[in-house]
C-alpha atoms as a PDB file:
ATOM      1  CA  UNK A   1     -35.281  17.319 -11.792  1.00  0.00           C
ATOM      2  CA  UNK A   2     -33.717  20.116 -14.246  1.00  0.00           C
ATOM      3  CA  UNK A   3     -31.141  19.419 -17.042  1.00  0.00           C
ATOM      4  CA  UNK A   4     -29.364  23.051 -15.739  1.00  0.00           C
ATOM      5  CA  UNK A   5     -28.960  21.299 -11.916  1.00  0.00           C
ATOM      6  CA  UNK A   6     -27.978  17.196 -12.895  1.00  0.00           C
ATOM      7  CA  UNK A   7     -25.538  19.161 -14.961  1.00  0.00           C
ATOM      8  CA  UNK A   8     -21.372  18.505 -13.812  1.00  0.00           C
ATOM      9  CA  UNK A   9     -18.011  19.575 -15.534  1.00  0.00           C
ATOM     10  CA  UNK A  10     -15.029  17.362 -14.468  1.00  0.00           C
ATOM     11  CA  UNK A  11     -11.480  18.743 -14.886  1.00  0.00           C
ATOM     12  CA  UNK A  12      -8.087  16.527 -14.610  1.00  0.00           C
ATOM     13  CA  UNK A  13      -4.134  16.689 -13.865  1.00  0.00           C
ATOM     14  CA  UNK A  14      -2.157  14.620 -13.233  1.00  0.00           C
ATOM     15  CA  UNK A  15       1.994  14.169 -12.921  1.00  0.00           C
ATOM     16  CA  UNK A  16       4.702  11.567 -12.385  1.00  0.00           C
ATOM     17  CA  UNK A  17       7.153  12.168  -9.623  1.00  0.00           C
ATOM     18  CA  UNK A  18       9.860  10.291  -8.491  1.00  0.00           C
ATOM     19  CA  UNK A  19       9.078  10.187  -4.037  1.00  0.00           C
ATOM     20  CA  UNK A  20       7.062   7.909  -2.069  1.00  0.00           C
ATOM     21  CA  UNK A  21       3.484   8.278  -1.585  1.00  0.00           C
ATOM     22  CA  UNK A  22       4.294   8.980   2.214  1.00  0.00           C
ATOM     23  CA  UNK A  23       6.579  11.437   0.863  1.00  0.00           C
ATOM     24  CA  UNK A  24       4.403  12.824  -1.463  1.00  0.00           C
ATOM     25  CA  UNK A  25       1.472  12.699   0.845  1.00  0.00           C
ATOM     26  CA  UNK A  26       3.269  14.905   3.617  1.00  0.00           C
ATOM     27  CA  UNK A  27       3.835  17.412   1.354  1.00  0.00           C
ATOM     28  CA  UNK A  28       0.056  18.138  -0.111  1.00  0.00           C
ATOM     29  CA  UNK A  29      -1.499  17.797   3.015  1.00  0.00           C
ATOM     30  CA  UNK A  30       0.519  20.714   4.002  1.00  0.00           C
ATOM     31  CA  UNK A  31      -2.034  22.619   3.621  1.00  0.00           C
ATOM     32  CA  UNK A  32      -0.702  26.529   4.738  1.00  0.00           C
ATOM     33  CA  UNK A  33       1.839  25.208   2.323  1.00  0.00           C
ATOM     34  CA  UNK A  34       0.916  25.518  -0.778  1.00  0.00           C
ATOM     35  CA  UNK A  35       0.741  28.518  -0.768  1.00  0.00           C
ATOM     36  CA  UNK A  36       5.388  27.664  -1.086  1.00  0.00           C
ATOM     37  CA  UNK A  37       4.622  25.160  -4.156  1.00  0.00           C
ATOM     38  CA  UNK A  38       1.858  26.595  -6.688  1.00  0.00           C
ATOM     39  CA  UNK A  39       0.662  29.891  -7.651  1.00  0.00           C
ATOM     40  CA  UNK A  40      -2.134  28.661  -7.737  1.00  0.00           C
ATOM     41  CA  UNK A  41      -2.560  29.063  -4.194  1.00  0.00           C
ATOM     42  CA  UNK A  42      -2.305  33.344  -2.519  1.00  0.00           C
ATOM     43  CA  UNK A  43      -3.331  31.258   1.172  1.00  0.00           C
ATOM     44  CA  UNK A  44      -4.394  28.748   2.348  1.00  0.00           C
ATOM     45  CA  UNK A  45      -4.909  27.997   6.362  1.00  0.00           C
ATOM     46  CA  UNK A  46      -6.716  24.633   7.802  1.00  0.00           C
ATOM     47  CA  UNK A  47      -8.390  25.956  10.670  1.00  0.00           C
ATOM     48  CA  UNK A  48      -8.396  22.929  12.539  1.00  0.00           C
ATOM     49  CA  UNK A  49      -4.765  21.613  14.286  1.00  0.00           C
ATOM     50  CA  UNK A  50      -3.765  17.533  13.479  1.00  0.00           C
ATOM     51  CA  UNK A  51      -3.210  15.407  10.419  1.00  0.00           C
ATOM     52  CA  UNK A  52      -6.198  15.710   7.805  1.00  0.00           C
ATOM     53  CA  UNK A  53      -9.137  14.314   8.676  1.00  0.00           C
ATOM     54  CA  UNK A  54     -12.495  13.822   7.720  1.00  0.00           C
ATOM     55  CA  UNK A  55     -14.421  16.738   8.670  1.00  0.00           C
ATOM     56  CA  UNK A  56     -11.345  19.148   8.733  1.00  0.00           C
ATOM     57  CA  UNK A  57     -11.402  22.635   6.516  1.00  0.00           C
ATOM     58  CA  UNK A  58      -9.010  24.606   5.305  1.00  0.00           C
ATOM     59  CA  UNK A  59      -9.753  27.956   3.631  1.00  0.00           C
ATOM     60  CA  UNK A  60      -7.729  28.740   0.304  1.00  0.00           C
ATOM     61  CA  UNK A  61      -8.026  32.145  -1.463  1.00  0.00           C
ATOM     62  CA  UNK A  62      -6.877  32.066  -4.541  1.00  0.00           C
ATOM     63  CA  UNK A  63      -5.793  35.063  -7.712  1.00  0.00           C
ATOM     64  CA  UNK A  64      -8.633  36.477  -9.745  1.00  0.00           C
ATOM     65  CA  UNK A  65     -11.328  33.657  -7.391  1.00  0.00           C
ATOM     66  CA  UNK A  66     -13.150  33.509  -4.819  1.00  0.00           C
ATOM     67  CA  UNK A  67     -11.820  32.734  -1.080  1.00  0.00           C
ATOM     68  CA  UNK A  68     -13.524  29.228  -0.671  1.00  0.00           C
ATOM     69  CA  UNK A  69     -13.850  26.859   2.246  1.00  0.00           C
ATOM     70  CA  UNK A  70     -13.526  22.971   1.773  1.00  0.00           C
ATOM     71  CA  UNK A  71     -14.401  20.420   3.841  1.00  0.00           C
ATOM     72  CA  UNK A  72     -12.017  17.240   3.789  1.00  0.00           C
ATOM     73  CA  UNK A  73     -15.348  14.173   2.826  1.00  0.00           C
ATOM     74  CA  UNK A  74     -12.761  11.135   2.488  1.00  0.00           C
ATOM     75  CA  UNK A  75      -8.929  10.861   4.320  1.00  0.00           C
ATOM     76  CA  UNK A  76      -6.816   6.956   2.888  1.00  0.00           C
ATOM     77  CA  UNK A  77      -3.553   7.872   3.845  1.00  0.00           C
ATOM     78  CA  UNK A  78      -1.218   8.035   1.957  1.00  0.00           C
ATOM     79  CA  UNK A  79      -3.447   7.227  -0.819  1.00  0.00           C
ATOM     80  CA  UNK A  80      -6.185  10.000  -0.901  1.00  0.00           C
ATOM     81  CA  UNK A  81      -7.692  12.582   0.335  1.00  0.00           C
ATOM     82  CA  UNK A  82     -11.382  14.534  -1.411  1.00  0.00           C
ATOM     83  CA  UNK A  83     -12.962  17.921  -0.059  1.00  0.00           C
ATOM     84  CA  UNK A  84     -15.688  19.396  -1.259  1.00  0.00           C
ATOM     85  CA  UNK A  85     -16.122  23.787  -1.091  1.00  0.00           C
ATOM     86  CA  UNK A  86     -20.137  25.431  -2.052  1.00  0.00           C
ATOM     87  CA  UNK A  87     -20.707  28.733  -3.413  1.00  0.00           C
ATOM     88  CA  UNK A  88     -24.272  28.930  -5.049  1.00  0.00           C
ATOM     89  CA  UNK A  89     -25.338  27.119  -7.526  1.00  0.00           C
ATOM     90  CA  UNK A  90     -22.240  25.261  -7.287  1.00  0.00           C
ATOM     91  CA  UNK A  91     -20.826  22.032  -5.489  1.00  0.00           C
ATOM     92  CA  UNK A  92     -16.925  21.667  -6.042  1.00  0.00           C
ATOM     93  CA  UNK A  93     -15.250  17.746  -5.247  1.00  0.00           C
ATOM     94  CA  UNK A  94     -11.883  17.953  -5.424  1.00  0.00           C
ATOM     95  CA  UNK A  95     -10.034  14.880  -5.450  1.00  0.00           C
ATOM     96  CA  UNK A  96      -6.529  14.080  -4.395  1.00  0.00           C
ATOM     97  CA  UNK A  97      -4.978  10.275  -5.014  1.00  0.00           C
ATOM     98  CA  UNK A  98      -1.755   9.569  -5.264  1.00  0.00           C
ATOM     99  CA  UNK A  99      -0.844   5.464  -7.148  1.00  0.00           C
ATOM    100  CA  UNK A 100       2.800   3.629  -6.616  1.00  0.00           C
ATOM    101  CA  UNK A 101       3.758   2.765  -9.572  1.00  0.00           C
ATOM    102  CA  UNK A 102       6.333  -0.474 -10.316  1.00  0.00           C
ATOM    103  CA  UNK A 103       9.509   1.449 -10.582  1.00  0.00           C
ATOM    104  CA  UNK A 104       8.794   3.099  -7.270  1.00  0.00           C
ATOM    105  CA  UNK A 105       7.380   6.122  -8.246  1.00  0.00           C
ATOM    106  CA  UNK A 106       4.077   8.264  -8.087  1.00  0.00           C
ATOM    107  CA  UNK A 107       1.242   8.949  -9.930  1.00  0.00           C
ATOM    108  CA  UNK A 108      -1.003  12.420  -8.935  1.00  0.00           C
ATOM    109  CA  UNK A 109      -3.907  12.625  -9.981  1.00  0.00           C
ATOM    110  CA  UNK A 110      -6.437  15.872  -9.438  1.00  0.00           C
ATOM    111  CA  UNK A 111      -9.857  15.783  -9.991  1.00  0.00           C
ATOM    112  CA  UNK A 112     -12.254  19.042  -9.674  1.00  0.00           C
ATOM    113  CA  UNK A 113     -15.938  18.246 -10.735  1.00  0.00           C
ATOM    114  CA  UNK A 114     -18.402  20.487 -10.283  1.00  0.00           C
ATOM    115  CA  UNK A 115     -21.905  20.001  -9.767  1.00  0.00           C
ATOM    116  CA  UNK A 116     -25.298  22.320  -9.892  1.00  0.00           C
ATOM    117  CA  UNK A 117     -27.645  24.280 -11.816  1.00  0.00           C
ATOM    118  CA  UNK A 118     -24.728  26.987 -12.289  1.00  0.00           C
ATOM    119  CA  UNK A 119     -22.100  23.843 -12.918  1.00  0.00           C
ATOM    120  CA  UNK A 120     -22.115  24.825 -16.542  1.00  0.00           C
ATOM    121  CA  UNK A 121     -21.863  28.786 -16.979  1.00  0.00           C
ATOM    122  CA  UNK A 122     -18.949  28.349 -13.404  1.00  0.00           C
ATOM    123  CA  UNK A 123     -16.793  26.061 -15.903  1.00  0.00           C
ATOM    124  CA  UNK A 124     -17.372  27.562 -19.261  1.00  0.00           C
ATOM    125  CA  UNK A 125     -16.387  31.221 -17.471  1.00  0.00           C
ATOM    126  CA  UNK A 126     -13.121  29.648 -15.621  1.00  0.00           C
ATOM    127  CA  UNK A 127     -12.842  26.413 -17.589  1.00  0.00           C
ATOM    128  CA  UNK A 128      -9.382  27.884 -19.024  1.00  0.00           C
ATOM    129  CA  UNK A 129      -8.352  28.943 -15.365  1.00  0.00           C
ATOM    130  CA  UNK A 130      -9.349  25.723 -13.833  1.00  0.00           C
ATOM    131  CA  UNK A 131      -7.056  24.183 -16.506  1.00  0.00           C
ATOM    132  CA  UNK A 132      -4.300  25.776 -15.740  1.00  0.00           C
ATOM    133  CA  UNK A 133      -4.669  25.695 -11.774  1.00  0.00           C
ATOM    134  CA  UNK A 134      -4.561  21.824 -11.897  1.00  0.00           C
ATOM    135  CA  UNK A 135      -1.409  21.804 -13.900  1.00  0.00           C
ATOM    136  CA  UNK A 136      -0.037  24.096 -12.419  1.00  0.00           C
ATOM    137  CA  UNK A 137      -0.536  22.415  -8.908  1.00  0.00           C
ATOM    138  CA  UNK A 138       0.597  18.994 -10.099  1.00  0.00           C
ATOM    139  CA  UNK A 139       3.171  20.920 -11.444  1.00  0.00           C
ATOM    140  CA  UNK A 140       4.472  22.371  -8.232  1.00  0.00           C
ATOM    141  CA  UNK A 141       3.923  19.517  -6.669  1.00  0.00           C
ATOM    142  CA  UNK A 142       6.143  17.405  -8.204  1.00  0.00           C
ATOM    143  CA  UNK A 143       8.906  19.885  -8.148  1.00  0.00           C
ATOM    144  CA  UNK A 144       9.056  20.571  -4.383  1.00  0.00           C
ATOM    145  CA  UNK A 145       8.814  16.758  -3.670  1.00  0.00           C
ATOM    146  CA  UNK A 146      11.447  15.858  -6.113  1.00  0.00           C
ATOM    147  CA  UNK A 147      13.897  18.951  -4.205  1.00  0.00           C
ATOM    148  CA  UNK A 148      13.395  17.307  -1.218  1.00  0.00           C
END
C-alpha cells in the first residue's frame, strides 16, 4: 500500500450542553431538521422513515461542497451514532457522541475522519471549511437544545 493511500485527516469539535442525553439525541438524530439549527447544512433528507438505525441513509447538501449520501454504520442510542460517506479517493467517517457529565449536562463530541489516497489534498483544500462546519454544528446543536 502506498503512503498516500493510508493518509488520514481528522477534524474535531466539542461543546457542553445544558440538556439530557435523550434531549440532545432527539435533536441530533432528526436529520431532516438540521438546516434549522446549523448553517453548515443547506438541506438534509433522510431516505428511510423511522428511527435512525444501522443502514439508514441521508442526503446532505452543504454550502461549497458536493451533495453527499451518508450511511449509518453504528448506533448506540442515546449516546452515539456514526456514519460514512464515500467519494472518489476519500472515505469519510463521521462520529457523533453524547457524553453525560456528572452535573447533569452533556458534552457533545463531533469527529470527522477522512481516509484514502486523496484525504491529504482534500484535507488541505477543505480543512478550514471542515473545522468551521463542525464548530457550527456543535454550537448550533447547543443553542437548539438549550432553547428547547
